Structure formats: structure tokens, C-alpha cells
Amino acid sequence: MASGVTIADECKQQFESIKRDKKARYIVYMIKDEKQIVVEKVGERNANYQDFLKDLLAAGPDDCRYGVFDYEYEHKVQGAATESHKQKLILLSWCPDTAKVKKKMLYSSSFDALKKALVGVAKYIQATDESEASKEAVEEKLRSTDRS
């Protein structure tokens, strides 16, 4: 189901600046006036996952957001002597259970359009509470796609 929400050009430009140029660590997106997905915040390259979560949840328990994070971690392949450095882009949809139904529906129905616009995301994550958006939960999902 399409929501009719459009995606601002700045959303794609900022995404490319992370994907290609590594200029930022993360982006928080919001739906403005129920019409357009816009960039709300861009995190500095030296920011960490906790900074990302803080900005993602800053709107409060009644609001939804999207976020892109350039996630880096170490992965050890079975039989290898050293760990390899991994870097994956994640797109997270944050819709807490406490948000209003109309807002949750708008964000969930607009998520596909954002997925299609942001080419190069390795993992899509939908979170409704902080445990699903935690660093541990996200890293577990990323590692599940790695070779062992």
C-alpha cells in the first residue's frame, strides 16, 4: 500500500554522501506534514551508534522516524586467523508501540518507497521498542548474513 508520501531529493543526496563519500555516520529522516520524507538530522562521521539512537528517539515515545546508519564491526570467519573489518549500511524504521495508529500506518506504508530510493542498504530493520533497535540486536541481524 503506497502512502503517497514523496521523498525529498536531499534524502538521497545525504544517503549518497554516507555510502560513497563516507562524510557522515548516520541520517535521521522524518515525514513532514504527512507529505514528504525529509532529513531531520545528520550525524558526524565520528558519531557512534548510541548517538544515532539518541537522535532517532529524540522526538519522543509518540513519534516514528527512519534512520540510516553506516555500521562497522569486526567479523571472524571460522578457520581464519584474524578478524575482518565489515561495514554495512542499515535502514531502520522506528515506530514505537506508543505512537498513534495513524502515524504508525503512515510510516510503515512509506517505508517501501524509502527502501527503493536508498539503493545499497545491506539490512532493513523494523523496531517497535528499544531492545529491537539496540546495538546488540542490530549487530546480531547483520552477523546473521555473514559467512561463518
Protein backbone atom coordinates (compact mmCIF):
# COMPACT_ATOMS: atom_id res chain seq x y z
CA MET A 1 0.00 0.00 0.00
CA ALA A 2 1.54 3.29 -1.08
CA SER A 3 1.01 6.26 1.17
CA GLY A 4 1.52 9.00 -1.41
CA VAL A 5 4.41 10.38 0.63
CA THR A 6 7.25 11.66 -1.55
CA ILE A 7 10.96 11.61 -0.80
CA ALA A 8 12.90 14.88 -0.82
CA ASP A 9 15.99 14.94 -3.07
CA GLU A 10 18.09 15.82 -0.03
CA CYS A 11 17.32 12.37 1.43
CA LYS A 12 19.03 10.63 -1.49
CA GLN A 13 21.90 13.16 -1.60
CA GLN A 14 22.69 12.73 2.09
CA PHE A 15 22.48 8.94 1.71
CA GLU A 16 24.99 9.05 -1.15
CA SER A 17 27.31 11.20 0.98
CA ILE A 18 27.41 8.35 3.51
CA LYS A 19 27.51 5.46 1.03
CA ARG A 20 30.05 6.85 -1.40
CA ASP A 21 31.92 9.63 0.33
CA LYS A 22 31.76 8.50 3.99
CA LYS A 23 31.08 12.11 5.03
CA ALA A 24 28.64 11.28 7.84
CA ARG A 25 27.86 8.31 10.11
CA TYR A 26 24.08 8.45 10.09
CA ILE A 27 20.92 10.22 8.93
CA VAL A 28 17.58 10.53 10.72
CA TYR A 29 14.56 11.03 8.45
CA MET A 30 11.04 12.16 9.32
CA ILE A 31 7.76 12.56 7.44
CA LYS A 32 6.93 16.26 7.31
CA ASP A 33 3.26 17.32 7.22
CA GLU A 34 2.27 13.76 6.22
CA LYS A 35 3.51 14.58 2.69
CA GLN A 36 7.27 14.24 2.34
CA ILE A 37 10.19 12.33 3.84
CA VAL A 38 12.89 14.84 4.77
CA VAL A 39 16.26 14.81 6.53
CA GLU A 40 15.92 15.73 10.19
CA LYS A 41 19.49 15.19 11.40
CA VAL A 42 22.86 14.12 10.04
CA GLY A 43 25.42 12.60 12.41
CA GLU A 44 29.11 13.44 12.20
CA ARG A 45 31.41 10.70 10.90
CA ASN A 46 32.93 10.22 14.38
CA ALA A 47 29.49 9.63 15.97
CA ASN A 48 28.61 6.21 17.38
CA TYR A 49 25.50 4.03 17.47
CA GLN A 50 24.37 5.46 20.82
CA ASP A 51 24.39 8.97 19.29
CA PHE A 52 22.26 7.63 16.43
CA LEU A 53 19.72 6.06 18.79
CA LYS A 54 19.54 9.23 20.88
CA ASP A 55 18.69 11.30 17.78
CA LEU A 56 16.34 8.63 16.40
CA LEU A 57 14.34 8.58 19.66
CA ALA A 58 14.60 12.33 20.35
CA ALA A 59 11.09 13.06 19.04
CA GLY A 60 9.64 11.16 21.99
CA PRO A 61 7.66 7.99 22.61
CA ASP A 62 4.74 9.04 20.39
CA ASP A 63 6.68 9.64 17.19
CA CYS A 64 8.16 7.48 14.44
CA ARG A 65 11.36 8.01 12.45
CA TYR A 66 13.59 6.35 9.86
CA GLY A 67 17.33 6.17 10.17
CA VAL A 68 20.32 5.12 8.09
CA PHE A 69 23.48 4.11 9.92
CA ASP A 70 26.88 3.15 8.48
CA TYR A 71 27.62 0.23 10.80
CA GLU A 72 31.18 -1.03 11.26
CA TYR A 73 32.17 -4.18 13.13
CA GLU A 74 34.76 -6.94 13.23
CA HIS A 75 33.87 -10.39 11.95
CA LYS A 76 35.92 -13.56 12.32
CA VAL A 77 35.39 -16.25 9.72
CA GLN A 78 35.76 -19.78 11.03
CA GLY A 79 39.30 -21.00 10.39
CA ALA A 80 40.70 -17.53 9.76
CA ALA A 81 43.49 -16.24 11.97
CA THR A 82 42.34 -12.64 12.03
CA GLU A 83 39.08 -10.76 12.08
CA SER A 84 37.94 -8.87 9.03
CA HIS A 85 36.54 -5.37 9.14
CA LYS A 86 32.92 -5.18 7.95
CA GLN A 87 30.93 -2.11 7.03
CA LYS A 88 27.22 -2.25 6.20
CA LEU A 89 24.51 0.33 5.73
CA ILE A 90 21.34 -0.32 7.70
CA LEU A 91 17.94 1.32 7.27
CA LEU A 92 15.92 1.29 10.46
CA SER A 93 12.22 2.05 10.77
CA TRP A 94 11.41 3.21 14.31
CA CYS A 95 7.70 3.02 15.16
CA PRO A 96 7.20 2.58 18.91
CA ASP A 97 4.09 0.80 20.17
CA THR A 98 3.16 4.03 21.97
CA ALA A 99 2.85 6.03 18.72
CA LYS A 100 -0.59 6.84 17.35
CA VAL A 101 -2.04 4.27 14.94
CA LYS A 102 -2.35 6.78 12.08
CA LYS A 103 1.33 7.75 12.39
CA LYS A 104 2.46 4.10 12.53
CA MET A 105 0.41 3.32 9.42
CA LEU A 106 1.86 6.31 7.55
CA TYR A 107 5.45 5.35 8.40
CA SER A 108 5.02 1.65 7.66
CA SER A 109 3.29 2.30 4.32
CA SER A 110 6.01 4.79 3.29
CA PHE A 111 8.93 2.51 4.26
CA ASP A 112 8.95 0.66 0.90
CA ALA A 113 9.31 3.90 -1.05
CA LEU A 114 12.31 4.87 1.08
CA LYS A 115 13.83 1.39 0.65
CA LYS A 116 13.57 1.72 -3.15
CA ALA A 117 15.09 5.21 -3.13
CA LEU A 118 18.11 4.31 -0.98
CA VAL A 119 19.96 1.79 -3.13
CA GLY A 120 22.81 0.00 -1.37
CA VAL A 121 21.34 -0.71 2.07
CA ALA A 122 22.52 -4.09 3.37
CA LYS A 123 19.85 -4.68 6.02
CA TYR A 124 16.37 -3.36 6.76
CA ILE A 125 15.27 -3.37 10.37
CA GLN A 126 11.87 -2.56 11.84
CA ALA A 127 11.90 -1.71 15.53
CA THR A 128 8.99 -1.04 17.87
CA ASP A 129 10.94 -0.85 21.13
CA GLU A 130 14.46 -0.02 22.24
CA SER A 131 15.53 -3.66 22.56
CA GLU A 132 14.85 -4.23 18.84
CA ALA A 133 16.87 -1.12 17.97
CA SER A 134 19.73 -1.91 20.37
CA LYS A 135 23.29 -2.24 19.13
CA GLU A 136 23.31 -5.92 20.11
CA ALA A 137 20.08 -6.73 18.22
CA VAL A 138 21.25 -4.88 15.10
CA GLU A 139 24.69 -6.48 15.14
CA GLU A 140 23.11 -9.92 15.55
CA LYS A 141 20.97 -9.30 12.45
CA LEU A 142 24.00 -8.09 10.47
CA ARG A 143 26.14 -11.06 11.53
CA SER A 144 23.38 -13.48 10.51
CA THR A 145 24.10 -12.54 6.87
CA ASP A 146 27.89 -13.02 7.20
CA ARG A 147 29.66 -16.23 6.30
CA SER A 148 30.77 -18.21 9.33
